[in-house]
């Protein structure tokens, strides 16, 4: 494992600066994935609404 250096050249034995930079660089990718995760949720809601409409229509026809 390479020794990491802080901004002033101080030795960072835990490598926390390197881990922080990796976290910061990775964070925008996580934000880009959120809209993609909303797609299946919208489809699920539409499916449930359609299922309720079909059940209501069948019940209405049965009671008519």
PDB file of N, CA and C in Angstrom:
ATOM      1  N   UNK A   1       0.852  -1.184   0.000  1.00  0.00           N
ATOM      2  CA  UNK A   1       0.000   0.000   0.000  1.00  0.00           C
ATOM      3  C   UNK A   1       0.887   1.233   0.000  1.00  0.00           C
ATOM      4  N   UNK A   2       0.604   2.177  -0.830  1.00  0.00           N
ATOM      5  CA  UNK A   2       1.415   3.385  -0.925  1.00  0.00           C
ATOM      6  C   UNK A   2       1.065   4.339   0.199  1.00  0.00           C
ATOM      7  N   UNK A   3       2.069   5.063   0.658  1.00  0.00           N
ATOM      8  CA  UNK A   3       1.813   6.075   1.671  1.00  0.00           C
ATOM      9  C   UNK A   3       1.099   7.242   1.008  1.00  0.00           C
ATOM     10  N   UNK A   4       0.085   7.725   1.660  1.00  0.00           N
ATOM     11  CA  UNK A   4      -0.654   8.856   1.093  1.00  0.00           C
ATOM     12  C   UNK A   4      -0.162  10.136   1.737  1.00  0.00           C
ATOM     13  N   UNK A   5      -0.182  11.189   0.989  1.00  0.00           N
ATOM     14  CA  UNK A   5       0.260  12.483   1.475  1.00  0.00           C
ATOM     15  C   UNK A   5      -0.922  13.441   1.515  1.00  0.00           C
ATOM     16  N   UNK A   6      -1.025  14.215   2.584  1.00  0.00           N
ATOM     17  CA  UNK A   6      -2.060  15.222   2.697  1.00  0.00           C
ATOM     18  C   UNK A   6      -1.703  16.422   1.840  1.00  0.00           C
ATOM     19  N   UNK A   7      -2.550  17.439   1.830  1.00  0.00           N
ATOM     20  CA  UNK A   7      -2.291  18.621   1.006  1.00  0.00           C
ATOM     21  C   UNK A   7      -0.991  19.325   1.366  1.00  0.00           C
ATOM     22  N   UNK A   8      -0.574  19.316   2.656  1.00  0.00           N
ATOM     23  CA  UNK A   8       0.649  19.985   3.076  1.00  0.00           C
ATOM     24  C   UNK A   8       1.836  19.027   3.054  1.00  0.00           C
ATOM     25  N   UNK A   9       1.641  17.800   2.575  1.00  0.00           N
ATOM     26  CA  UNK A   9       2.732  16.845   2.546  1.00  0.00           C
ATOM     27  C   UNK A   9       2.823  16.030   3.823  1.00  0.00           C
ATOM     28  N   UNK A  10       1.881  16.179   4.729  1.00  0.00           N
ATOM     29  CA  UNK A  10       1.887  15.394   5.964  1.00  0.00           C
ATOM     30  C   UNK A  10       1.473  13.970   5.651  1.00  0.00           C
ATOM     31  N   UNK A  11       2.098  13.033   6.350  1.00  0.00           N
ATOM     32  CA  UNK A  11       1.780  11.615   6.138  1.00  0.00           C
ATOM     33  C   UNK A  11       0.382  11.319   6.677  1.00  0.00           C
ATOM     34  N   UNK A  12      -0.442  10.643   5.897  1.00  0.00           N
ATOM     35  CA  UNK A  12      -1.804  10.272   6.282  1.00  0.00           C
ATOM     36  C   UNK A  12      -1.846   8.753   6.459  1.00  0.00           C
ATOM     37  N   UNK A  13      -1.529   8.241   7.655  1.00  0.00           N
ATOM     38  CA  UNK A  13      -1.408   6.793   7.829  1.00  0.00           C
ATOM     39  C   UNK A  13      -2.711   6.036   7.588  1.00  0.00           C
ATOM     40  N   UNK A  14      -3.851   6.657   7.835  1.00  0.00           N
ATOM     41  CA  UNK A  14      -5.123   5.963   7.657  1.00  0.00           C
ATOM     42  C   UNK A  14      -5.601   6.019   6.205  1.00  0.00           C
ATOM     43  N   UNK A  15      -5.022   6.894   5.423  1.00  0.00           N
ATOM     44  CA  UNK A  15      -5.458   7.036   4.033  1.00  0.00           C
ATOM     45  C   UNK A  15      -6.834   7.673   3.938  1.00  0.00           C
ATOM     46  N   UNK A  16      -7.239   8.438   4.945  1.00  0.00           N
ATOM     47  CA  UNK A  16      -8.588   9.005   4.952  1.00  0.00           C
ATOM     48  C   UNK A  16      -8.796  10.007   3.825  1.00  0.00           C
ATOM     49  N   UNK A  17      -7.754  10.725   3.444  1.00  0.00           N
ATOM     50  CA  UNK A  17      -7.894  11.676   2.338  1.00  0.00           C
ATOM     51  C   UNK A  17      -8.206  10.935   1.046  1.00  0.00           C
ATOM     52  N   UNK A  18      -7.503   9.824   0.830  1.00  0.00           N
ATOM     53  CA  UNK A  18      -7.739   9.045  -0.379  1.00  0.00           C
ATOM     54  C   UNK A  18      -9.147   8.460  -0.366  1.00  0.00           C
ATOM     55  N   UNK A  19      -9.604   7.970   0.790  1.00  0.00           N
ATOM     56  CA  UNK A  19     -10.956   7.408   0.876  1.00  0.00           C
ATOM     57  C   UNK A  19     -12.002   8.500   0.670  1.00  0.00           C
ATOM     58  N   UNK A  20     -11.761   9.700   1.208  1.00  0.00           N
ATOM     59  CA  UNK A  20     -12.698  10.801   1.018  1.00  0.00           C
ATOM     60  C   UNK A  20     -12.803  11.186  -0.450  1.00  0.00           C
ATOM     61  N   UNK A  21     -11.659  11.259  -1.120  1.00  0.00           N
ATOM     62  CA  UNK A  21     -11.682  11.614  -2.541  1.00  0.00           C
ATOM     63  C   UNK A  21     -12.415  10.554  -3.357  1.00  0.00           C
ATOM     64  N   UNK A  22     -12.222   9.289  -3.005  1.00  0.00           N
ATOM     65  CA  UNK A  22     -12.941   8.221  -3.712  1.00  0.00           C
ATOM     66  C   UNK A  22     -14.440   8.358  -3.479  1.00  0.00           C
ATOM     67  N   UNK A  23     -14.849   8.719  -2.262  1.00  0.00           N
ATOM     68  CA  UNK A  23     -16.264   8.911  -1.956  1.00  0.00           C
ATOM     69  C   UNK A  23     -16.837  10.084  -2.738  1.00  0.00           C
ATOM     70  N   UNK A  24     -16.112  11.182  -2.780  1.00  0.00           N
ATOM     71  CA  UNK A  24     -16.590  12.372  -3.495  1.00  0.00           C
ATOM     72  C   UNK A  24     -16.689  12.090  -4.986  1.00  0.00           C
ATOM     73  N   UNK A  25     -15.714  11.377  -5.535  1.00  0.00           N
ATOM     74  CA  UNK A  25     -15.748  11.059  -6.960  1.00  0.00           C
ATOM     75  C   UNK A  25     -16.876  10.090  -7.284  1.00  0.00           C
ATOM     76  N   UNK A  26     -17.262   9.259  -6.330  1.00  0.00           N
ATOM     77  CA  UNK A  26     -18.296   8.254  -6.565  1.00  0.00           C
ATOM     78  C   UNK A  26     -19.697   8.831  -6.363  1.00  0.00           C
ATOM     79  N   UNK A  27     -19.862   9.875  -5.584  1.00  0.00           N
ATOM     80  CA  UNK A  27     -21.170  10.416  -5.237  1.00  0.00           C
ATOM     81  C   UNK A  27     -22.000  10.839  -6.456  1.00  0.00           C
ATOM     82  N   UNK A  28     -21.462  11.518  -7.468  1.00  0.00           N
ATOM     83  CA  UNK A  28     -22.309  11.897  -8.608  1.00  0.00           C
ATOM     84  C   UNK A  28     -22.901  10.701  -9.342  1.00  0.00           C
ATOM     85  N   UNK A  29     -22.210   9.572  -9.354  1.00  0.00           N
ATOM     86  CA  UNK A  29     -22.747   8.384 -10.009  1.00  0.00           C
ATOM     87  C   UNK A  29     -23.990   7.904  -9.282  1.00  0.00           C
ATOM     88  N   UNK A  30     -23.990   7.975  -7.961  1.00  0.00           N
ATOM     89  CA  UNK A  30     -25.151   7.542  -7.192  1.00  0.00           C
ATOM     90  C   UNK A  30     -26.350   8.448  -7.486  1.00  0.00           C
ATOM     91  N   UNK A  31     -26.117   9.749  -7.655  1.00  0.00           N
ATOM     92  CA  UNK A  31     -27.218  10.667  -7.953  1.00  0.00           C
ATOM     93  C   UNK A  31     -27.796  10.401  -9.338  1.00  0.00           C
ATOM     94  N   UNK A  32     -26.969   9.987 -10.284  1.00  0.00           N
ATOM     95  CA  UNK A  32     -27.460   9.714 -11.626  1.00  0.00           C
ATOM     96  C   UNK A  32     -28.340   8.473 -11.649  1.00  0.00           C
ATOM     97  N   UNK A  33     -28.178   7.568 -10.700  1.00  0.00           N
ATOM     98  CA  UNK A  33     -28.948   6.339 -10.697  1.00  0.00           C
ATOM     99  C   UNK A  33     -30.339   6.530 -10.098  1.00  0.00           C
ATOM    100  N   UNK A  34     -30.563   7.580  -9.334  1.00  0.00           N
ATOM    101  CA  UNK A  34     -31.862   7.781  -8.697  1.00  0.00           C
ATOM    102  C   UNK A  34     -33.016   7.901  -9.686  1.00  0.00           C
ATOM    103  N   UNK A  35     -32.920   8.699 -10.766  1.00  0.00           N
ATOM    104  CA  UNK A  35     -34.047   8.758 -11.707  1.00  0.00           C
ATOM    105  C   UNK A  35     -34.331   7.411 -12.361  1.00  0.00           C
ATOM    106  N   UNK A  36     -33.326   6.604 -12.585  1.00  0.00           N
ATOM    107  CA  UNK A  36     -33.548   5.292 -13.185  1.00  0.00           C
ATOM    108  C   UNK A  36     -34.334   4.399 -12.229  1.00  0.00           C
ATOM    109  N   UNK A  37     -34.114   4.560 -10.924  1.00  0.00           N
ATOM    110  CA  UNK A  37     -34.826   3.750  -9.942  1.00  0.00           C
ATOM    111  C   UNK A  37     -36.293   4.177  -9.849  1.00  0.00           C
ATOM    112  N   UNK A  38     -36.610   5.411 -10.227  1.00  0.00           N
ATOM    113  CA  UNK A  38     -37.984   5.890 -10.155  1.00  0.00           C
ATOM    114  C   UNK A  38     -38.840   5.283 -11.263  1.00  0.00           C
ATOM    115  N   UNK A  39     -38.251   4.840 -12.352  1.00  0.00           N
ATOM    116  CA  UNK A  39     -38.989   4.265 -13.472  1.00  0.00           C
ATOM    117  C   UNK A  39     -39.825   3.053 -13.088  1.00  0.00           C
ATOM    118  N   UNK A  40     -39.238   2.031 -12.478  1.00  0.00           N
ATOM    119  CA  UNK A  40     -40.028   0.858 -12.074  1.00  0.00           C
ATOM    120  C   UNK A  40     -41.112   1.214 -11.058  1.00  0.00           C
ATOM    121  N   UNK A  41     -40.868   2.206 -10.218  1.00  0.00           N
ATOM    122  CA  UNK A  41     -41.854   2.614  -9.221  1.00  0.00           C
ATOM    123  C   UNK A  41     -43.085   3.195  -9.903  1.00  0.00           C
ATOM    124  N   UNK A  42     -42.869   4.000 -10.946  1.00  0.00           N
ATOM    125  CA  UNK A  42     -43.986   4.588 -11.684  1.00  0.00           C
ATOM    126  C   UNK A  42     -44.769   3.486 -12.387  1.00  0.00           C
ATOM    127  N   UNK A  43     -44.062   2.535 -12.973  1.00  0.00           N
ATOM    128  CA  UNK A  43     -44.731   1.425 -13.635  1.00  0.00           C
ATOM    129  C   UNK A  43     -45.556   0.594 -12.668  1.00  0.00           C
ATOM    130  N   UNK A  44     -45.054   0.407 -11.461  1.00  0.00           N
ATOM    131  CA  UNK A  44     -45.791  -0.340 -10.437  1.00  0.00           C
ATOM    132  C   UNK A  44     -47.071   0.393 -10.054  1.00  0.00           C
ATOM    133  N   UNK A  45     -46.992   1.695  -9.876  1.00  0.00           N
ATOM    134  CA  UNK A  45     -48.176   2.481  -9.511  1.00  0.00           C
ATOM    135  C   UNK A  45     -49.213   2.423 -10.629  1.00  0.00           C
ATOM    136  N   UNK A  46     -48.769   2.571 -11.878  1.00  0.00           N
ATOM    137  CA  UNK A  46     -49.699   2.504 -13.010  1.00  0.00           C
ATOM    138  C   UNK A  46     -50.355   1.125 -13.076  1.00  0.00           C
ATOM    139  N   UNK A  47     -49.579   0.077 -12.849  1.00  0.00           N
ATOM    140  CA  UNK A  47     -50.127  -1.280 -12.852  1.00  0.00           C
ATOM    141  C   UNK A  47     -51.172  -1.495 -11.780  1.00  0.00           C
ATOM    142  N   UNK A  48     -50.929  -0.966 -10.593  1.00  0.00           N
ATOM    143  CA  UNK A  48     -51.894  -1.106  -9.498  1.00  0.00           C
ATOM    144  C   UNK A  48     -53.177  -0.353  -9.825  1.00  0.00           C
ATOM    145  N   UNK A  49     -53.034   0.861 -10.369  1.00  0.00           N
ATOM    146  CA  UNK A  49     -54.226   1.647 -10.735  1.00  0.00           C
ATOM    147  C   UNK A  49     -55.039   0.905 -11.803  1.00  0.00           C
ATOM    148  N   UNK A  50     -54.368   0.335 -12.786  1.00  0.00           N
ATOM    149  CA  UNK A  50     -55.081  -0.414 -13.823  1.00  0.00           C
ATOM    150  C   UNK A  50     -55.762  -1.654 -13.243  1.00  0.00           C
ATOM    151  N   UNK A  51     -55.113  -2.347 -12.331  1.00  0.00           N
ATOM    152  CA  UNK A  51     -55.707  -3.532 -11.704  1.00  0.00           C
ATOM    153  C   UNK A  51     -56.956  -3.167 -10.908  1.00  0.00           C
ATOM    154  N   UNK A  52     -56.896  -2.063 -10.183  1.00  0.00           N
ATOM    155  CA  UNK A  52     -58.068  -1.613  -9.415  1.00  0.00           C
ATOM    156  C   UNK A  52     -59.203  -1.240 -10.370  1.00  0.00           C
ATOM    157  N   UNK A  53     -58.866  -0.598 -11.493  1.00  0.00           N
ATOM    158  CA  UNK A  53     -59.896  -0.222 -12.464  1.00  0.00           C
ATOM    159  C   UNK A  53     -60.558  -1.463 -13.069  1.00  0.00           C
ATOM    160  N   UNK A  54     -59.767  -2.485 -13.361  1.00  0.00           N
ATOM    161  CA  UNK A  54     -60.333  -3.715 -13.929  1.00  0.00           C
ATOM    162  C   UNK A  54     -61.230  -4.401 -12.902  1.00  0.00           C
ATOM    163  N   UNK A  55     -60.792  -4.479 -11.665  1.00  0.00           N
ATOM    164  CA  UNK A  55     -61.621  -5.102 -10.623  1.00  0.00           C
ATOM    165  C   UNK A  55     -62.915  -4.323 -10.430  1.00  0.00           C
ATOM    166  N   UNK A  56     -62.841  -2.993 -10.457  1.00  0.00           N
ATOM    167  CA  UNK A  56     -64.040  -2.170 -10.301  1.00  0.00           C
ATOM    168  C   UNK A  56     -64.993  -2.379 -11.476  1.00  0.00           C
ATOM    169  N   UNK A  57     -64.453  -2.484 -12.682  1.00  0.00           N
ATOM    170  CA  UNK A  57     -65.301  -2.696 -13.861  1.00  0.00           C
ATOM    171  C   UNK A  57     -65.983  -4.061 -13.797  1.00  0.00           C
ATOM    172  N   UNK A  58     -65.251  -5.083 -13.389  1.00  0.00           N
ATOM    173  CA  UNK A  58     -65.851  -6.420 -13.278  1.00  0.00           C
ATOM    174  C   UNK A  58     -66.920  -6.426 -12.194  1.00  0.00           C
ATOM    175  N   UNK A  59     -66.651  -5.780 -11.083  1.00  0.00           N
ATOM    176  CA  UNK A  59     -67.653  -5.721 -10.004  1.00  0.00           C
ATOM    177  C   UNK A  59     -68.902  -4.965 -10.471  1.00  0.00           C
ATOM    178  N   UNK A  60     -68.719  -3.875 -11.211  1.00  0.00           N
ATOM    179  CA  UNK A  60     -69.838  -3.078 -11.698  1.00  0.00           C
ATOM    180  C   UNK A  60     -70.695  -3.911 -12.661  1.00  0.00           C
ATOM    181  N   UNK A  61     -70.020  -4.669 -13.558  1.00  0.00           N
ATOM    182  CA  UNK A  61     -70.745  -5.502 -14.501  1.00  0.00           C
ATOM    183  C   UNK A  61     -71.460  -6.653 -13.783  1.00  0.00           C
ATOM    184  N   UNK A  62     -70.889  -7.179 -12.739  1.00  0.00           N
ATOM    185  CA  UNK A  62     -71.493  -8.293 -12.006  1.00  0.00           C
ATOM    186  C   UNK A  62     -72.721  -7.820 -11.223  1.00  0.00           C
ATOM    187  N   UNK A  63     -72.714  -6.597 -10.738  1.00  0.00           N
ATOM    188  CA  UNK A  63     -73.821  -6.083  -9.937  1.00  0.00           C
ATOM    189  C   UNK A  63     -74.881  -5.390 -10.778  1.00  0.00           C
ATOM    190  N   UNK A  64     -74.650  -5.242 -12.049  1.00  0.00           N
ATOM    191  CA  UNK A  64     -75.586  -4.535 -12.926  1.00  0.00           C
ATOM    192  C   UNK A  64     -76.812  -5.358 -13.224  1.00  0.00           C
TER     193      UNK A  64
END
